[in-house]
Each structure stands twice: as structure tokens, then as C-alpha cells.
Protein backbone atom coordinates (compact mmCIF):
# COMPACT_ATOMS: atom_id res chain seq x y z
CA UNK A 1 107.46 101.88 115.01
CA UNK A 2 107.74 105.00 112.90
CA UNK A 3 111.11 105.77 114.44
CA UNK A 4 112.44 102.40 113.27
CA UNK A 5 111.11 103.01 109.76
CA UNK A 6 112.65 106.49 109.59
CA UNK A 7 115.99 105.13 110.78
CA UNK A 8 115.81 102.34 108.18
CA UNK A 9 115.09 104.88 105.44
CA UNK A 10 117.99 107.05 106.60
CA UNK A 11 120.32 104.03 106.54
CA UNK A 12 119.26 103.13 103.00
CA UNK A 13 119.87 106.72 101.89
CA UNK A 14 123.27 106.81 103.63
CA UNK A 15 124.35 103.55 102.02
CA UNK A 16 123.26 104.80 98.61
CA UNK A 17 125.17 108.05 99.00
CA UNK A 18 128.33 106.31 100.17
CA UNK A 19 128.16 103.76 97.34
CA UNK A 20 127.52 106.52 94.80
CA UNK A 21 130.48 108.53 96.07
CA UNK A 22 132.88 105.58 96.28
CA UNK A 23 132.03 103.93 92.96
CA UNK A 24 131.02 106.96 90.88
CA UNK A 25 127.72 105.41 89.82
CA UNK A 26 125.07 106.84 87.51
CA UNK A 27 122.27 108.69 89.28
CA UNK A 28 119.64 106.35 87.76
CA UNK A 29 121.14 103.44 89.68
CA UNK A 30 120.97 105.41 92.92
CA UNK A 31 117.34 106.33 92.29
CA UNK A 32 116.45 102.64 91.93
CA UNK A 33 118.33 101.76 95.11
CA UNK A 34 116.73 104.52 97.20
CA UNK A 35 113.18 104.87 95.88
CA UNK A 36 112.17 101.20 96.11
CA UNK A 37 112.98 100.94 99.85
CA UNK A 38 111.50 104.39 100.48
CA UNK A 39 108.25 103.34 98.83
CA UNK A 40 108.27 100.11 100.81
CA UNK A 41 108.76 101.95 104.10
CA UNK A 42 106.03 104.41 103.15
CA UNK A 43 103.59 101.57 102.43
CA UNK A 44 104.31 99.93 105.75
CA UNK A 45 104.09 103.11 107.79
CA UNK A 46 100.97 104.56 106.12
CA UNK A 47 98.81 101.46 105.88
CA UNK A 48 100.22 98.82 108.21
CA UNK A 49 98.01 96.07 106.79
CA UNK A 50 99.40 92.61 105.98
CA UNK A 51 99.21 93.39 102.26
CA UNK A 52 101.11 96.65 102.79
CA UNK A 53 103.74 94.77 104.80
CA UNK A 54 104.10 92.23 102.00
CA UNK A 55 104.45 94.92 99.35
CA UNK A 56 106.75 96.98 101.53
CA UNK A 57 109.05 94.07 102.27
CA UNK A 58 109.08 93.19 98.57
CA UNK A 59 110.13 96.74 97.69
CA UNK A 60 112.82 96.65 100.40
CA UNK A 61 114.10 93.39 98.91
CA UNK A 62 114.12 94.92 95.42
CA UNK A 63 116.20 97.84 96.70
CA UNK A 64 118.62 95.47 98.42
CA UNK A 65 118.92 93.30 95.31
CA UNK A 66 119.53 96.37 93.15
CA UNK A 67 122.36 97.43 95.47
CA UNK A 68 123.83 93.91 95.49
CA UNK A 69 123.64 93.66 91.69
CA UNK A 70 125.21 97.08 91.28
CA UNK A 71 128.10 96.24 93.59
CA UNK A 72 128.62 92.86 91.94
CA UNK A 73 128.62 94.43 88.49
CA UNK A 74 131.13 97.11 89.50
CA UNK A 75 133.55 94.78 91.29
CA UNK A 76 133.64 92.01 88.69
CA UNK A 77 137.10 91.77 87.10
CA UNK A 78 137.17 92.37 83.36
CA UNK A 79 137.39 89.22 81.26
């Protein structure tokens, strides 16, 4: 189980680095994209209770939404 969580964290970090490099994004945006999933994975791996799973999945979703919003904001054509 911990191996899966470590791999998931590494994938989130890799995606954040690639997006940061390709789109030249502010570091604050990257911190939001990486720290929310990292905190979620930490909650799940340390506690493993249903409440920790709920909070961890919520933090993973927040990180995913932040990445989606950032990509959508950067690729929107100017009006």
C-alpha cells in the first residue's frame, strides 16, 4: 500500500514539474498543486482510518482541480 502511495506522490510531483517547465508558471501555483496531494497521501498512509481516507481523497481532488484550473486558465485564448 505504501508503495502505491509513494508512486502516486512521485507522479503528482512529476506532473507538477513538467507543467511548471512547459508553461512557465509561478512557484505558488506549483506549491498548491503539489502540497495538497502530498498532504492527502500523508494522511492516508499515516492514519489509514476512514476519516483520513476522506480527507486524503479530498486533498487529492483539490490538487487535481488546482492543476485543471491552472491549465484551463493558461490555455484560454485571449478575448
